[in-house]
Amino acid sequence: MERSGRLPLRRYLCWPEALTDGVFRRLGTEWTGYRAEVHTYLADGDRVGAFGVYSGT
């Protein structure tokens, strides 16, 4: 995962489990009201990118 802006826990993640465990699970337990909404997916072969917005405190 590559992020822009000030996404916490910033780093590059190259496999689904790292993204789930290393980012979303932590955000869901450490942030109040964490929410992520994807508005666009881009696919190129075996790569997928997702663009969206997130919120929480």
PDB file of N, CA and C in Angstrom:
ATOM      1  N   MET A   1       0.845  -1.158   0.000  1.00  0.00           N
ATOM      2  CA  MET A   1       0.000   0.000   0.000  1.00  0.00           C
ATOM      3  C   MET A   1       0.891   1.221   0.000  1.00  0.00           C
ATOM      4  N   GLU A   2       0.537   2.163  -0.801  1.00  0.00           N
ATOM      5  CA  GLU A   2       1.247   3.425  -0.815  1.00  0.00           C
ATOM      6  C   GLU A   2       0.234   4.485  -0.436  1.00  0.00           C
ATOM      7  N   ARG A   3       0.608   5.358   0.428  1.00  0.00           N
ATOM      8  CA  ARG A   3      -0.358   6.327   0.905  1.00  0.00           C
ATOM      9  C   ARG A   3       0.063   7.734   0.540  1.00  0.00           C
ATOM     10  N   SER A   4      -0.926   8.614   0.521  1.00  0.00           N
ATOM     11  CA  SER A   4      -0.642  10.033   0.384  1.00  0.00           C
ATOM     12  C   SER A   4      -1.274  10.727   1.574  1.00  0.00           C
ATOM     13  N   GLY A   5      -0.857  11.925   1.859  1.00  0.00           N
ATOM     14  CA  GLY A   5      -1.406  12.609   3.017  1.00  0.00           C
ATOM     15  C   GLY A   5      -0.783  12.099   4.290  1.00  0.00           C
ATOM     16  N   ARG A   6      -1.555  12.032   5.361  1.00  0.00           N
ATOM     17  CA  ARG A   6      -1.021  11.699   6.669  1.00  0.00           C
ATOM     18  C   ARG A   6      -1.619  10.408   7.226  1.00  0.00           C
ATOM     19  N   LEU A   7      -1.761   9.402   6.413  1.00  0.00           N
ATOM     20  CA  LEU A   7      -2.276   8.123   6.896  1.00  0.00           C
ATOM     21  C   LEU A   7      -1.342   7.584   7.961  1.00  0.00           C
ATOM     22  N   PRO A   8      -1.854   7.256   9.139  1.00  0.00           N
ATOM     23  CA  PRO A   8      -1.003   6.702  10.189  1.00  0.00           C
ATOM     24  C   PRO A   8      -0.505   5.314   9.810  1.00  0.00           C
ATOM     25  N   LEU A   9       0.480   4.852  10.543  1.00  0.00           N
ATOM     26  CA  LEU A   9       1.043   3.525  10.327  1.00  0.00           C
ATOM     27  C   LEU A   9       1.610   3.415   8.921  1.00  0.00           C
ATOM     28  N   ARG A  10       2.155   4.498   8.410  1.00  0.00           N
ATOM     29  CA  ARG A  10       2.591   4.545   7.020  1.00  0.00           C
ATOM     30  C   ARG A  10       3.776   3.619   6.754  1.00  0.00           C
ATOM     31  N   ARG A  11       3.647   2.891   5.693  1.00  0.00           N
ATOM     32  CA  ARG A  11       4.680   1.987   5.206  1.00  0.00           C
ATOM     33  C   ARG A  11       4.170   1.333   3.929  1.00  0.00           C
ATOM     34  N   TYR A  12       5.032   0.640   3.261  1.00  0.00           N
ATOM     35  CA  TYR A  12       4.629  -0.086   2.074  1.00  0.00           C
ATOM     36  C   TYR A  12       4.285  -1.517   2.472  1.00  0.00           C
ATOM     37  N   LEU A  13       3.167  -1.998   1.995  1.00  0.00           N
ATOM     38  CA  LEU A  13       2.714  -3.345   2.332  1.00  0.00           C
ATOM     39  C   LEU A  13       2.481  -4.110   1.040  1.00  0.00           C
ATOM     40  N   CYS A  14       3.023  -5.302   0.973  1.00  0.00           N
ATOM     41  CA  CYS A  14       3.016  -6.033  -0.294  1.00  0.00           C
ATOM     42  C   CYS A  14       2.166  -7.289  -0.292  1.00  0.00           C
ATOM     43  N   TRP A  15       1.420  -7.543   0.723  1.00  0.00           N
ATOM     44  CA  TRP A  15       0.579  -8.739   0.734  1.00  0.00           C
ATOM     45  C   TRP A  15      -0.671  -8.427   1.550  1.00  0.00           C
ATOM     46  N   PRO A  16      -1.786  -9.105   1.239  1.00  0.00           N
ATOM     47  CA  PRO A  16      -3.073  -8.777   1.866  1.00  0.00           C
ATOM     48  C   PRO A  16      -3.076  -8.864   3.391  1.00  0.00           C
ATOM     49  N   GLU A  17      -2.419  -9.882   3.950  1.00  0.00           N
ATOM     50  CA  GLU A  17      -2.420 -10.034   5.405  1.00  0.00           C
ATOM     51  C   GLU A  17      -1.720  -8.861   6.081  1.00  0.00           C
ATOM     52  N   ALA A  18      -0.662  -8.354   5.486  1.00  0.00           N
ATOM     53  CA  ALA A  18       0.044  -7.216   6.070  1.00  0.00           C
ATOM     54  C   ALA A  18      -0.843  -5.979   6.071  1.00  0.00           C
ATOM     55  N   LEU A  19      -1.590  -5.801   5.020  1.00  0.00           N
ATOM     56  CA  LEU A  19      -2.501  -4.661   4.951  1.00  0.00           C
ATOM     57  C   LEU A  19      -3.624  -4.804   5.976  1.00  0.00           C
ATOM     58  N   THR A  20      -4.205  -5.987   6.048  1.00  0.00           N
ATOM     59  CA  THR A  20      -5.291  -6.214   7.003  1.00  0.00           C
ATOM     60  C   THR A  20      -4.811  -6.105   8.441  1.00  0.00           C
ATOM     61  N   ASP A  21      -3.757  -6.848   8.784  1.00  0.00           N
ATOM     62  CA  ASP A  21      -3.272  -6.880  10.171  1.00  0.00           C
ATOM     63  C   ASP A  21      -2.493  -5.629  10.551  1.00  0.00           C
ATOM     64  N   GLY A  22      -1.664  -5.146   9.635  1.00  0.00           N
ATOM     65  CA  GLY A  22      -0.778  -4.043   9.955  1.00  0.00           C
ATOM     66  C   GLY A  22      -1.416  -2.681   9.897  1.00  0.00           C
ATOM     67  N   VAL A  23      -2.535  -2.562   9.202  1.00  0.00           N
ATOM     68  CA  VAL A  23      -3.158  -1.243   9.073  1.00  0.00           C
ATOM     69  C   VAL A  23      -4.614  -1.276   9.540  1.00  0.00           C
ATOM     70  N   PHE A  24      -5.473  -1.964   8.809  1.00  0.00           N
ATOM     71  CA  PHE A  24      -6.906  -1.837   9.075  1.00  0.00           C
ATOM     72  C   PHE A  24      -7.337  -2.379  10.428  1.00  0.00           C
ATOM     73  N   ARG A  25      -6.786  -3.485  10.860  1.00  0.00           N
ATOM     74  CA  ARG A  25      -7.163  -4.002  12.171  1.00  0.00           C
ATOM     75  C   ARG A  25      -6.723  -3.030  13.268  1.00  0.00           C
ATOM     76  N   ARG A  26      -5.509  -2.489  13.141  1.00  0.00           N
ATOM     77  CA  ARG A  26      -5.019  -1.529  14.137  1.00  0.00           C
ATOM     78  C   ARG A  26      -5.834  -0.242  14.124  1.00  0.00           C
ATOM     79  N   LEU A  27      -6.149   0.258  12.941  1.00  0.00           N
ATOM     80  CA  LEU A  27      -6.949   1.479  12.875  1.00  0.00           C
ATOM     81  C   LEU A  27      -8.328   1.244  13.484  1.00  0.00           C
ATOM     82  N   GLY A  28      -8.895   0.082  13.220  1.00  0.00           N
ATOM     83  CA  GLY A  28     -10.214  -0.233  13.759  1.00  0.00           C
ATOM     84  C   GLY A  28     -10.245  -0.343  15.269  1.00  0.00           C
ATOM     85  N   THR A  29      -9.111  -0.683  15.896  1.00  0.00           N
ATOM     86  CA  THR A  29      -9.083  -0.815  17.354  1.00  0.00           C
ATOM     87  C   THR A  29      -8.468   0.402  18.040  1.00  0.00           C
ATOM     88  N   GLU A  30      -7.621   1.162  17.345  1.00  0.00           N
ATOM     89  CA  GLU A  30      -6.939   2.296  17.969  1.00  0.00           C
ATOM     90  C   GLU A  30      -7.598   3.640  17.667  1.00  0.00           C
ATOM     91  N   TRP A  31      -8.420   3.721  16.654  1.00  0.00           N
ATOM     92  CA  TRP A  31      -9.098   4.967  16.310  1.00  0.00           C
ATOM     93  C   TRP A  31     -10.565   4.884  16.694  1.00  0.00           C
ATOM     94  N   THR A  32     -11.130   5.996  17.066  1.00  0.00           N
ATOM     95  CA  THR A  32     -12.563   6.088  17.333  1.00  0.00           C
ATOM     96  C   THR A  32     -13.260   6.452  16.032  1.00  0.00           C
ATOM     97  N   GLY A  33     -14.234   5.656  15.650  1.00  0.00           N
ATOM     98  CA  GLY A  33     -15.027   5.954  14.462  1.00  0.00           C
ATOM     99  C   GLY A  33     -14.273   5.811  13.153  1.00  0.00           C
ATOM    100  N   TYR A  34     -13.247   4.955  13.102  1.00  0.00           N
ATOM    101  CA  TYR A  34     -12.488   4.792  11.856  1.00  0.00           C
ATOM    102  C   TYR A  34     -13.396   4.261  10.758  1.00  0.00           C
ATOM    103  N   ARG A  35     -13.279   4.877   9.588  1.00  0.00           N
ATOM    104  CA  ARG A  35     -14.086   4.467   8.438  1.00  0.00           C
ATOM    105  C   ARG A  35     -13.266   4.716   7.167  1.00  0.00           C
ATOM    106  N   ALA A  36     -13.274   3.773   6.259  1.00  0.00           N
ATOM    107  CA  ALA A  36     -12.610   3.931   4.962  1.00  0.00           C
ATOM    108  C   ALA A  36     -13.611   3.615   3.869  1.00  0.00           C
ATOM    109  N   GLU A  37     -13.647   4.457   2.847  1.00  0.00           N
ATOM    110  CA  GLU A  37     -14.552   4.256   1.718  1.00  0.00           C
ATOM    111  C   GLU A  37     -13.750   4.345   0.423  1.00  0.00           C
ATOM    112  N   VAL A  38     -13.776   3.274  -0.352  1.00  0.00           N
ATOM    113  CA  VAL A  38     -13.094   3.249  -1.644  1.00  0.00           C
ATOM    114  C   VAL A  38     -14.054   3.778  -2.696  1.00  0.00           C
ATOM    115  N   HIS A  39     -13.582   4.692  -3.538  1.00  0.00           N
ATOM    116  CA  HIS A  39     -14.434   5.191  -4.614  1.00  0.00           C
ATOM    117  C   HIS A  39     -13.959   4.736  -5.991  1.00  0.00           C
ATOM    118  N   THR A  40     -12.699   4.273  -6.129  1.00  0.00           N
ATOM    119  CA  THR A  40     -12.191   3.846  -7.424  1.00  0.00           C
ATOM    120  C   THR A  40     -11.187   2.709  -7.248  1.00  0.00           C
ATOM    121  N   TYR A  41     -11.312   1.681  -8.063  1.00  0.00           N
ATOM    122  CA  TYR A  41     -10.330   0.602  -8.130  1.00  0.00           C
ATOM    123  C   TYR A  41      -9.669   0.638  -9.507  1.00  0.00           C
ATOM    124  N   LEU A  42      -8.374   0.409  -9.531  1.00  0.00           N
ATOM    125  CA  LEU A  42      -7.641   0.281 -10.792  1.00  0.00           C
ATOM    126  C   LEU A  42      -6.937  -1.070 -10.792  1.00  0.00           C
ATOM    127  N   ALA A  43      -7.065  -1.812 -11.868  1.00  0.00           N
ATOM    128  CA  ALA A  43      -6.421  -3.115 -11.965  1.00  0.00           C
ATOM    129  C   ALA A  43      -5.485  -3.134 -13.164  1.00  0.00           C
ATOM    130  N   ASP A  44      -4.323  -3.766 -12.964  1.00  0.00           N
ATOM    131  CA  ASP A  44      -3.344  -3.935 -14.029  1.00  0.00           C
ATOM    132  C   ASP A  44      -2.664  -5.276 -13.800  1.00  0.00           C
ATOM    133  N   GLY A  45      -3.118  -6.299 -14.493  1.00  0.00           N
ATOM    134  CA  GLY A  45      -2.572  -7.646 -14.290  1.00  0.00           C
ATOM    135  C   GLY A  45      -2.881  -8.130 -12.890  1.00  0.00           C
ATOM    136  N   ASP A  46      -1.828  -8.473 -12.118  1.00  0.00           N
ATOM    137  CA  ASP A  46      -2.044  -8.963 -10.758  1.00  0.00           C
ATOM    138  C   ASP A  46      -1.931  -7.851  -9.721  1.00  0.00           C
ATOM    139  N   ARG A  47      -1.989  -6.613 -10.135  1.00  0.00           N
ATOM    140  CA  ARG A  47      -1.927  -5.470  -9.215  1.00  0.00           C
ATOM    141  C   ARG A  47      -3.251  -4.729  -9.197  1.00  0.00           C
ATOM    142  N   VAL A  48      -3.639  -4.312  -8.019  1.00  0.00           N
ATOM    143  CA  VAL A  48      -4.864  -3.541  -7.855  1.00  0.00           C
ATOM    144  C   VAL A  48      -4.575  -2.336  -6.977  1.00  0.00           C
ATOM    145  N   GLY A  49      -5.074  -1.200  -7.369  1.00  0.00           N
ATOM    146  CA  GLY A  49      -4.958   0.003  -6.569  1.00  0.00           C
ATOM    147  C   GLY A  49      -6.351   0.464  -6.174  1.00  0.00           C
ATOM    148  N   ALA A  50      -6.465   1.007  -4.979  1.00  0.00           N
ATOM    149  CA  ALA A  50      -7.748   1.509  -4.506  1.00  0.00           C
ATOM    150  C   ALA A  50      -7.577   2.955  -4.058  1.00  0.00           C
ATOM    151  N   PHE A  51      -8.488   3.793  -4.467  1.00  0.00           N
ATOM    152  CA  PHE A  51      -8.469   5.205  -4.091  1.00  0.00           C
ATOM    153  C   PHE A  51      -9.738   5.514  -3.327  1.00  0.00           C
ATOM    154  N   GLY A  52      -9.580   6.267  -2.249  1.00  0.00           N
ATOM    155  CA  GLY A  52     -10.752   6.602  -1.457  1.00  0.00           C
ATOM    156  C   GLY A  52     -10.411   7.592  -0.366  1.00  0.00           C
ATOM    157  N   VAL A  53     -11.272   7.627   0.632  1.00  0.00           N
ATOM    158  CA  VAL A  53     -11.104   8.545   1.756  1.00  0.00           C
ATOM    159  C   VAL A  53     -11.240   7.769   3.060  1.00  0.00           C
ATOM    160  N   TYR A  54     -10.647   8.310   4.113  1.00  0.00           N
ATOM    161  CA  TYR A  54     -10.775   7.708   5.429  1.00  0.00           C
ATOM    162  C   TYR A  54     -11.035   8.803   6.438  1.00  0.00           C
ATOM    163  N   SER A  55     -11.582   8.401   7.593  1.00  0.00           N
ATOM    164  CA  SER A  55     -11.831   9.359   8.666  1.00  0.00           C
ATOM    165  C   SER A  55     -11.785   8.642   9.994  1.00  0.00           C
ATOM    166  N   GLY A  56     -11.661   9.402  11.051  1.00  0.00           N
ATOM    167  CA  GLY A  56     -11.611   8.882  12.410  1.00  0.00           C
ATOM    168  C   GLY A  56     -10.709   9.771  13.254  1.00  0.00           C
ATOM    169  N   THR A  57     -10.701   9.489  14.551  1.00  0.00           N
ATOM    170  CA  THR A  57      -9.850  10.280  15.455  1.00  0.00           C
ATOM    171  C   THR A  57      -9.035   9.373  16.334  1.00  0.00           C
TER     172      THR A  57
END
